[in-house]
PDB file of N, CA and C in Angstrom:
ATOM      1  N   MET A   1      28.182 -37.030  75.132  1.00  0.00           N
ATOM      2  CA  MET A   1      28.421 -38.003  73.975  1.00  0.00           C
ATOM      3  C   MET A   1      29.671 -38.201  73.855  1.00  0.00           C
ATOM      4  N   ASP A   2      30.170 -39.652  73.891  1.00  0.00           N
ATOM      5  CA  ASP A   2      31.155 -40.138  73.708  1.00  0.00           C
ATOM      6  C   ASP A   2      32.057 -40.179  72.513  1.00  0.00           C
ATOM      7  N   ILE A   3      33.114 -40.624  72.380  1.00  0.00           N
ATOM      8  CA  ILE A   3      33.795 -40.658  70.816  1.00  0.00           C
ATOM      9  C   ILE A   3      33.556 -41.828  69.935  1.00  0.00           C
ATOM     10  N   ASN A   4      32.989 -42.759  70.618  1.00  0.00           N
ATOM     11  CA  ASN A   4      32.583 -43.875  69.747  1.00  0.00           C
ATOM     12  C   ASN A   4      31.281 -43.671  68.836  1.00  0.00           C
ATOM     13  N   ARG A   5      30.450 -42.697  69.696  1.00  0.00           N
ATOM     14  CA  ARG A   5      28.986 -42.333  69.226  1.00  0.00           C
ATOM     15  C   ARG A   5      29.351 -41.190  68.055  1.00  0.00           C
ATOM     16  N   LEU A   6      30.277 -40.238  68.594  1.00  0.00           N
ATOM     17  CA  LEU A   6      30.675 -39.238  67.554  1.00  0.00           C
ATOM     18  C   LEU A   6      31.363 -39.934  66.361  1.00  0.00           C
ATOM     19  N   THR A   7      32.334 -41.122  66.422  1.00  0.00           N
ATOM     20  CA  THR A   7      32.790 -41.541  65.349  1.00  0.00           C
ATOM     21  C   THR A   7      31.702 -42.250  64.435  1.00  0.00           C
ATOM     22  N   ASP A   8      30.733 -42.943  64.994  1.00  0.00           N
ATOM     23  CA  ASP A   8      29.751 -43.463  64.228  1.00  0.00           C
ATOM     24  C   ASP A   8      29.219 -42.421  63.288  1.00  0.00           C
ATOM     25  N   PHE A   9      28.732 -41.424  64.189  1.00  0.00           N
ATOM     26  CA  PHE A   9      27.731 -40.422  63.379  1.00  0.00           C
ATOM     27  C   PHE A   9      28.385 -39.825  61.941  1.00  0.00           C
ATOM     28  N   PHE A  10      29.725 -39.307  62.198  1.00  0.00           N
ATOM     29  CA  PHE A  10      30.731 -38.887  61.254  1.00  0.00           C
ATOM     30  C   PHE A  10      31.014 -40.272  60.019  1.00  0.00           C
ATOM     31  N   MET A  11      31.113 -41.328  60.579  1.00  0.00           N
ATOM     32  CA  MET A  11      31.164 -42.419  59.424  1.00  0.00           C
ATOM     33  C   MET A  11      29.858 -42.396  58.617  1.00  0.00           C
ATOM     34  N   TRP A  12      28.618 -42.299  59.194  1.00  0.00           N
ATOM     35  CA  TRP A  12      27.512 -42.142  58.633  1.00  0.00           C
ATOM     36  C   TRP A  12      27.308 -41.258  57.595  1.00  0.00           C
ATOM     37  N   CYS A  13      27.580 -40.229  58.222  1.00  0.00           N
ATOM     38  CA  CYS A  13      27.673 -38.980  57.476  1.00  0.00           C
ATOM     39  C   CYS A  13      28.516 -39.047  56.252  1.00  0.00           C
ATOM     40  N   THR A  14      29.693 -39.552  56.227  1.00  0.00           N
ATOM     41  CA  THR A  14      30.420 -39.725  55.229  1.00  0.00           C
ATOM     42  C   THR A  14      30.081 -40.635  54.315  1.00  0.00           C
ATOM     43  N   ILE A  15      29.461 -41.920  54.831  1.00  0.00           N
ATOM     44  CA  ILE A  15      29.112 -42.805  53.710  1.00  0.00           C
ATOM     45  C   ILE A  15      27.708 -41.941  53.007  1.00  0.00           C
ATOM     46  N   PHE A  16      26.925 -41.309  53.459  1.00  0.00           N
ATOM     47  CA  PHE A  16      25.821 -40.737  52.898  1.00  0.00           C
ATOM     48  C   PHE A  16      26.308 -39.564  52.122  1.00  0.00           C
ATOM     49  N   ASN A  17      27.110 -38.572  52.361  1.00  0.00           N
ATOM     50  CA  ASN A  17      27.505 -37.654  51.506  1.00  0.00           C
ATOM     51  C   ASN A  17      28.405 -38.094  50.541  1.00  0.00           C
ATOM     52  N   MET A  18      29.105 -39.383  50.593  1.00  0.00           N
ATOM     53  CA  MET A  18      30.019 -40.078  49.607  1.00  0.00           C
ATOM     54  C   MET A  18      28.760 -40.620  48.219  1.00  0.00           C
ATOM     55  N   GLY A  19      28.146 -41.102  48.996  1.00  0.00           N
ATOM     56  CA  GLY A  19      26.808 -41.814  48.161  1.00  0.00           C
ATOM     57  C   GLY A  19      26.372 -40.641  47.376  1.00  0.00           C
ATOM     58  N   PHE A  20      25.892 -39.378  47.867  1.00  0.00           N
ATOM     59  CA  PHE A  20      25.356 -38.334  47.169  1.00  0.00           C
ATOM     60  C   PHE A  20      25.825 -37.768  46.060  1.00  0.00           C
ATOM     61  N   LEU A  21      27.358 -37.485  46.706  1.00  0.00           N
ATOM     62  CA  LEU A  21      28.393 -36.954  45.733  1.00  0.00           C
ATOM     63  C   LEU A  21      28.638 -38.022  44.505  1.00  0.00           C
ATOM     64  N   VAL A  22      28.571 -39.264  44.556  1.00  0.00           N
ATOM     65  CA  VAL A  22      28.781 -40.362  43.420  1.00  0.00           C
ATOM     66  C   VAL A  22      27.537 -40.039  42.566  1.00  0.00           C
ATOM     67  N   TYR A  23      26.490 -39.874  43.234  1.00  0.00           N
ATOM     68  CA  TYR A  23      25.017 -40.099  42.341  1.00  0.00           C
ATOM     69  C   TYR A  23      25.112 -38.892  41.932  1.00  0.00           C
ATOM     70  N   ILE A  24      25.419 -37.670  42.247  1.00  0.00           N
ATOM     71  CA  ILE A  24      25.288 -36.472  41.343  1.00  0.00           C
ATOM     72  C   ILE A  24      26.138 -36.365  40.173  1.00  0.00           C
ATOM     73  N   VAL A  25      27.558 -36.756  40.533  1.00  0.00           N
ATOM     74  CA  VAL A  25      28.298 -36.958  39.647  1.00  0.00           C
ATOM     75  C   VAL A  25      27.972 -37.985  38.265  1.00  0.00           C
ATOM     76  N   LEU A  26      27.363 -39.081  38.740  1.00  0.00           N
ATOM     77  CA  LEU A  26      27.022 -40.200  37.685  1.00  0.00           C
ATOM     78  C   LEU A  26      26.078 -39.448  36.711  1.00  0.00           C
ATOM     79  N   ILE A  27      24.974 -38.877  37.555  1.00  0.00           N
ATOM     80  CA  ILE A  27      23.820 -38.116  36.738  1.00  0.00           C
ATOM     81  C   ILE A  27      24.439 -37.150  36.055  1.00  0.00           C
ATOM     82  N   CYS A  28      25.165 -36.191  36.129  1.00  0.00           N
ATOM     83  CA  CYS A  28      25.908 -35.249  35.409  1.00  0.00           C
ATOM     84  C   CYS A  28      26.589 -35.762  34.244  1.00  0.00           C
ATOM     85  N   VAL A  29      27.237 -36.857  34.655  1.00  0.00           N
ATOM     86  CA  VAL A  29      28.332 -37.234  33.403  1.00  0.00           C
ATOM     87  C   VAL A  29      27.303 -38.317  32.212  1.00  0.00           C
ATOM     88  N   LEU A  30      26.577 -38.841  33.147  1.00  0.00           N
ATOM     89  CA  LEU A  30      25.649 -39.848  32.140  1.00  0.00           C
ATOM     90  C   LEU A  30      24.671 -39.249  31.559  1.00  0.00           C
ATOM     91  N   PHE A  31      23.927 -38.198  31.934  1.00  0.00           N
ATOM     92  CA  PHE A  31      22.569 -37.754  31.585  1.00  0.00           C
ATOM     93  C   PHE A  31      22.814 -36.193  31.351  1.00  0.00           C
ATOM     94  N   PRO A  32      23.717 -35.326  31.029  1.00  0.00           N
ATOM     95  CA  PRO A  32      23.999 -34.195  31.031  1.00  0.00           C
ATOM     96  C   PRO A  32      23.021 -33.256  30.064  1.00  0.00           C
ATOM     97  N   ASN A  33      22.650 -33.825  29.252  1.00  0.00           N
ATOM     98  CA  ASN A  33      21.565 -33.123  28.521  1.00  0.00           C
ATOM     99  C   ASN A  33      20.033 -33.076  29.271  1.00  0.00           C
ATOM    100  N   TRP A  34      19.927 -34.116  29.571  1.00  0.00           N
ATOM    101  CA  TRP A  34      18.602 -34.255  30.621  1.00  0.00           C
ATOM    102  C   TRP A  34      18.910 -33.360  31.714  1.00  0.00           C
ATOM    103  N   VAL A  35      19.787 -33.371  32.329  1.00  0.00           N
ATOM    104  CA  VAL A  35      19.948 -32.399  33.485  1.00  0.00           C
ATOM    105  C   VAL A  35      19.692 -30.844  33.017  1.00  0.00           C
ATOM    106  N   TYR A  36      20.333 -30.779  31.977  1.00  0.00           N
ATOM    107  CA  TYR A  36      20.366 -29.316  31.511  1.00  0.00           C
ATOM    108  C   TYR A  36      18.804 -28.995  30.980  1.00  0.00           C
ATOM    109  N   GLN A  37      18.022 -29.828  30.205  1.00  0.00           N
ATOM    110  CA  GLN A  37      16.731 -29.266  29.881  1.00  0.00           C
ATOM    111  C   GLN A  37      15.758 -29.453  31.186  1.00  0.00           C
ATOM    112  N   LEU A  38      16.114 -30.181  32.224  1.00  0.00           N
ATOM    113  CA  LEU A  38      15.124 -30.076  33.498  1.00  0.00           C
ATOM    114  C   LEU A  38      15.271 -29.137  34.201  1.00  0.00           C
ATOM    115  N   GLN A  39      16.640 -28.307  34.325  1.00  0.00           N
ATOM    116  CA  GLN A  39      16.916 -27.245  34.840  1.00  0.00           C
ATOM    117  C   GLN A  39      16.377 -25.870  34.130  1.00  0.00           C
ATOM    118  N   SER A  40      16.810 -26.037  32.860  1.00  0.00           N
ATOM    119  CA  SER A  40      16.315 -24.772  31.880  1.00  0.00           C
ATOM    120  C   SER A  40      14.852 -24.550  31.700  1.00  0.00           C
ATOM    121  N   LYS A  41      14.025 -25.672  32.237  1.00  0.00           N
ATOM    122  CA  LYS A  41      12.527 -25.312  32.179  1.00  0.00           C
ATOM    123  C   LYS A  41      12.244 -24.507  33.468  1.00  0.00           C
ATOM    124  N   TRP A  42      13.073 -24.459  34.717  1.00  0.00           N
ATOM    125  CA  TRP A  42      12.982 -23.752  35.610  1.00  0.00           C
ATOM    126  C   TRP A  42      13.460 -22.592  35.444  1.00  0.00           C
ATOM    127  N   PHE A  43      14.729 -22.371  35.224  1.00  0.00           N
ATOM    128  CA  PHE A  43      15.666 -21.097  35.122  1.00  0.00           C
ATOM    129  C   PHE A  43      16.116 -20.947  33.590  1.00  0.00           C
ATOM    130  N   PRO A  44      16.021 -19.761  33.233  1.00  0.00           N
ATOM    131  CA  PRO A  44      16.556 -19.425  31.874  1.00  0.00           C
ATOM    132  C   PRO A  44      18.011 -19.178  32.047  1.00  0.00           C
ATOM    133  N   ILE A  45      18.722 -20.184  31.571  1.00  0.00           N
ATOM    134  CA  ILE A  45      20.016 -20.335  31.671  1.00  0.00           C
ATOM    135  C   ILE A  45      20.965 -20.951  30.588  1.00  0.00           C
ATOM    136  N   SER A  46      21.888 -20.347  29.848  1.00  0.00           N
ATOM    137  CA  SER A  46      22.841 -20.602  29.020  1.00  0.00           C
ATOM    138  C   SER A  46      23.557 -21.946  29.374  1.00  0.00           C
ATOM    139  N   ARG A  47      23.799 -22.871  28.401  1.00  0.00           N
ATOM    140  CA  ARG A  47      24.695 -24.105  28.518  1.00  0.00           C
ATOM    141  C   ARG A  47      25.877 -23.981  29.235  1.00  0.00           C
ATOM    142  N   GLU A  48      26.566 -22.818  28.648  1.00  0.00           N
ATOM    143  CA  GLU A  48      27.866 -22.680  29.039  1.00  0.00           C
ATOM    144  C   GLU A  48      27.645 -22.289  30.711  1.00  0.00           C
ATOM    145  N   ILE A  49      27.051 -21.308  31.040  1.00  0.00           N
ATOM    146  CA  ILE A  49      26.887 -20.987  32.333  1.00  0.00           C
ATOM    147  C   ILE A  49      26.222 -22.077  33.146  1.00  0.00           C
ATOM    148  N   PHE A  50      25.318 -22.942  32.724  1.00  0.00           N
ATOM    149  CA  PHE A  50      25.016 -24.154  33.488  1.00  0.00           C
ATOM    150  C   PHE A  50      26.315 -25.280  33.566  1.00  0.00           C
ATOM    151  N   ASN A  51      26.975 -25.230  32.976  1.00  0.00           N
ATOM    152  CA  ASN A  51      27.996 -26.146  33.131  1.00  0.00           C
ATOM    153  C   ASN A  51      28.999 -25.591  34.109  1.00  0.00           C
ATOM    154  N   VAL A  52      29.029 -24.480  34.073  1.00  0.00           N
ATOM    155  CA  VAL A  52      29.975 -23.813  34.934  1.00  0.00           C
ATOM    156  C   VAL A  52      29.464 -23.741  36.444  1.00  0.00           C
ATOM    157  N   ALA A  53      28.137 -23.536  36.483  1.00  0.00           N
ATOM    158  CA  ALA A  53      27.227 -23.499  37.796  1.00  0.00           C
ATOM    159  C   ALA A  53      27.396 -25.028  38.207  1.00  0.00           C
ATOM    160  N   ILE A  54      27.365 -26.125  37.562  1.00  0.00           N
ATOM    161  CA  ILE A  54      27.234 -27.550  37.993  1.00  0.00           C
ATOM    162  C   ILE A  54      28.821 -27.909  38.367  1.00  0.00           C
ATOM    163  N   TYR A  55      29.523 -27.524  37.724  1.00  0.00           N
ATOM    164  CA  TYR A  55      30.895 -27.707  37.913  1.00  0.00           C
ATOM    165  C   TYR A  55      31.556 -26.978  39.394  1.00  0.00           C
ATOM    166  N   ALA A  56      30.939 -25.920  39.310  1.00  0.00           N
ATOM    167  CA  ALA A  56      31.021 -24.938  40.827  1.00  0.00           C
ATOM    168  C   ALA A  56      30.556 -25.796  42.114  1.00  0.00           C
ATOM    169  N   PHE A  57      29.340 -26.236  41.732  1.00  0.00           N
ATOM    170  CA  PHE A  57      28.421 -26.914  42.737  1.00  0.00           C
ATOM    171  C   PHE A  57      28.890 -28.289  43.123  1.00  0.00           C
ATOM    172  N   VAL A  58      29.454 -29.023  42.328  1.00  0.00           N
ATOM    173  CA  VAL A  58      30.130 -30.101  42.618  1.00  0.00           C
ATOM    174  C   VAL A  58      31.291 -30.187  43.372  1.00  0.00           C
ATOM    175  N   GLY A  59      31.902 -29.145  42.747  1.00  0.00           N
ATOM    176  CA  GLY A  59      33.347 -28.696  43.586  1.00  0.00           C
ATOM    177  C   GLY A  59      33.209 -28.075  44.915  1.00  0.00           C
ATOM    178  N   LEU A  60      32.423 -27.395  44.997  1.00  0.00           N
ATOM    179  CA  LEU A  60      32.170 -26.982  46.565  1.00  0.00           C
ATOM    180  C   LEU A  60      31.547 -28.063  47.198  1.00  0.00           C
ATOM    181  N   TYR A  61      30.781 -28.924  46.960  1.00  0.00           N
ATOM    182  CA  TYR A  61      30.062 -29.767  47.671  1.00  0.00           C
ATOM    183  C   TYR A  61      31.113 -30.577  48.130  1.00  0.00           C
ATOM    184  N   LYS A  62      32.178 -31.144  47.311  1.00  0.00           N
ATOM    185  CA  LYS A  62      33.263 -32.159  47.256  1.00  0.00           C
ATOM    186  C   LYS A  62      34.234 -31.397  48.549  1.00  0.00           C
ATOM    187  N   LEU A  63      34.565 -30.179  48.206  1.00  0.00           N
ATOM    188  CA  LEU A  63      35.448 -29.416  48.989  1.00  0.00           C
ATOM    189  C   LEU A  63      34.842 -29.321  50.607  1.00  0.00           C
ATOM    190  N   PHE A  64      33.595 -29.229  51.031  1.00  0.00           N
ATOM    191  CA  PHE A  64      33.009 -28.864  51.923  1.00  0.00           C
ATOM    192  C   PHE A  64      32.869 -30.305  52.806  1.00  0.00           C
ATOM    193  N   PHE A  65      32.284 -31.328  51.906  1.00  0.00           N
ATOM    194  CA  PHE A  65      32.454 -32.426  52.346  1.00  0.00           C
ATOM    195  C   PHE A  65      33.633 -33.077  52.834  1.00  0.00           C
ATOM    196  N   ILE A  66      34.762 -32.985  52.331  1.00  0.00           N
ATOM    197  CA  ILE A  66      36.083 -33.387  52.630  1.00  0.00           C
ATOM    198  C   ILE A  66      36.527 -32.380  54.065  1.00  0.00           C
ATOM    199  N   ILE A  67      36.171 -31.206  54.002  1.00  0.00           N
ATOM    200  CA  ILE A  67      36.690 -30.302  55.382  1.00  0.00           C
ATOM    201  C   ILE A  67      35.692 -30.637  56.398  1.00  0.00           C
ATOM    202  N   PHE A  68      34.587 -30.669  56.436  1.00  0.00           N
ATOM    203  CA  PHE A  68      33.353 -30.760  57.497  1.00  0.00           C
ATOM    204  C   PHE A  68      33.071 -32.018  57.819  1.00  0.00           C
ATOM    205  N   VAL A  69      33.188 -33.014  57.227  1.00  0.00           N
ATOM    206  CA  VAL A  69      32.720 -34.556  57.393  1.00  0.00           C
ATOM    207  C   VAL A  69      33.763 -35.608  57.427  1.00  0.00           C
ATOM    208  N   PHE A  70      34.712 -35.591  56.273  1.00  0.00           N
ATOM    209  CA  PHE A  70      35.747 -36.700  56.033  1.00  0.00           C
ATOM    210  C   PHE A  70      36.890 -36.367  56.983  1.00  0.00           C
ATOM    211  N   ILE A  71      37.305 -35.233  57.178  1.00  0.00           N
ATOM    212  CA  ILE A  71      38.456 -34.947  57.851  1.00  0.00           C
ATOM    213  C   ILE A  71      38.110 -35.259  59.270  1.00  0.00           C
ATOM    214  N   PRO A  72      37.084 -34.599  60.002  1.00  0.00           N
ATOM    215  CA  PRO A  72      36.711 -35.072  61.416  1.00  0.00           C
ATOM    216  C   PRO A  72      36.724 -36.324  61.763  1.00  0.00           C
ATOM    217  N   TYR A  73      35.908 -37.238  60.520  1.00  0.00           N
ATOM    218  CA  TYR A  73      35.896 -38.633  60.717  1.00  0.00           C
ATOM    219  C   TYR A  73      37.500 -39.259  60.894  1.00  0.00           C
ATOM    220  N   LEU A  74      38.422 -39.038  59.855  1.00  0.00           N
ATOM    221  CA  LEU A  74      39.583 -39.479  60.252  1.00  0.00           C
ATOM    222  C   LEU A  74      40.192 -39.105  61.692  1.00  0.00           C
ATOM    223  N   ALA A  75      39.914 -37.944  62.031  1.00  0.00           N
ATOM    224  CA  ALA A  75      40.622 -37.347  63.171  1.00  0.00           C
ATOM    225  C   ALA A  75      40.072 -38.245  64.348  1.00  0.00           C
ATOM    226  N   LEU A  76      38.750 -38.531  64.236  1.00  0.00           N
ATOM    227  CA  LEU A  76      38.180 -39.057  65.467  1.00  0.00           C
ATOM    228  C   LEU A  76      38.712 -40.473  65.407  1.00  0.00           C
ATOM    229  N   LEU A  77      38.906 -41.209  64.159  1.00  0.00           N
ATOM    230  CA  LEU A  77      39.427 -42.528  64.168  1.00  0.00           C
ATOM    231  C   LEU A  77      41.010 -42.639  64.511  1.00  0.00           C
ATOM    232  N   ILE A  78      41.851 -41.586  64.417  1.00  0.00           N
ATOM    233  CA  ILE A  78      43.129 -41.558  64.845  1.00  0.00           C
ATOM    234  C   ILE A  78      42.890 -41.305  66.420  1.00  0.00           C
ATOM    235  N   MET A  79      42.169 -40.577  66.997  1.00  0.00           N
ATOM    236  CA  MET A  79      41.876 -40.366  68.411  1.00  0.00           C
ATOM    237  C   MET A  79      41.448 -41.835  69.237  1.00  0.00           C
ATOM    238  N   LYS A  80      40.602 -42.521  68.509  1.00  0.00           N
ATOM    239  CA  LYS A  80      40.160 -43.821  69.184  1.00  0.00           C
ATOM    240  C   LYS A  80      41.410 -44.686  69.786  1.00  0.00           C
TER     241      LYS A  80
END
C-alpha cells in the first residue's frame, strides 16, 4: 500500500469520524431530554449518571479520534 492510498484512507476516516462526532454532540446539545428518555427506557439510569456517561463517551471518542485517526493523517500529510 503506497503513501497516497494510506493518506486518502485516513482523510476519509477523519471526515467520517468528525461528522459522527459533530452529529453526536449536536444531538446531545439540542435534544438532551429526548436522548435521556430514549436511553432510560433501555437502561435504568439516573439523569446525573447519564450526563456523566455521555460526557465521558464524547470525550473518549474525541480523544481516540484525535490519537488514532487525525494525528496519523497529519503525519502522512507531512511525509508526502
